[in-house]
Amino acid sequence: MNTTAAEQARFDARLPKEQKQFFEKAAYLGGYRNLTDFVFRVVQDKAKEIIKEKEQIIASERDSQIFFDAITNPQKPSETLKNALDDYNSFIANSK
């Protein structure tokens, strides 16, 4: 990734020394080069997880609304659907 200084943003955080040491230990044990790499990777992975989860919920809510609208305000059947029903009824009647 080739980014210029103008495209970058700074992120600063203050935290207790013990918490920083804890995070550094996790970074070391996780095989990360340094605390910054660890924080960026973990935060990015968590952000992706949260966004995916929320987008699925939003899609599910939208799908529920579409389904509810279809049930409460059904469209009139098309000619193709009417023909399919006629074909089905003929098939069932001839199967007996």
Foldseek 3Di string as FASTA:
>chain_A
DDDDPVPDDDDDDDDDPVVLVVLQVVCVVVVHPGSVRSVVVVVVVVVVVVVVVVVVVVVVVVVVVVVVCCVVPPDDDDPVVVVVVVVVVVVVVVVD
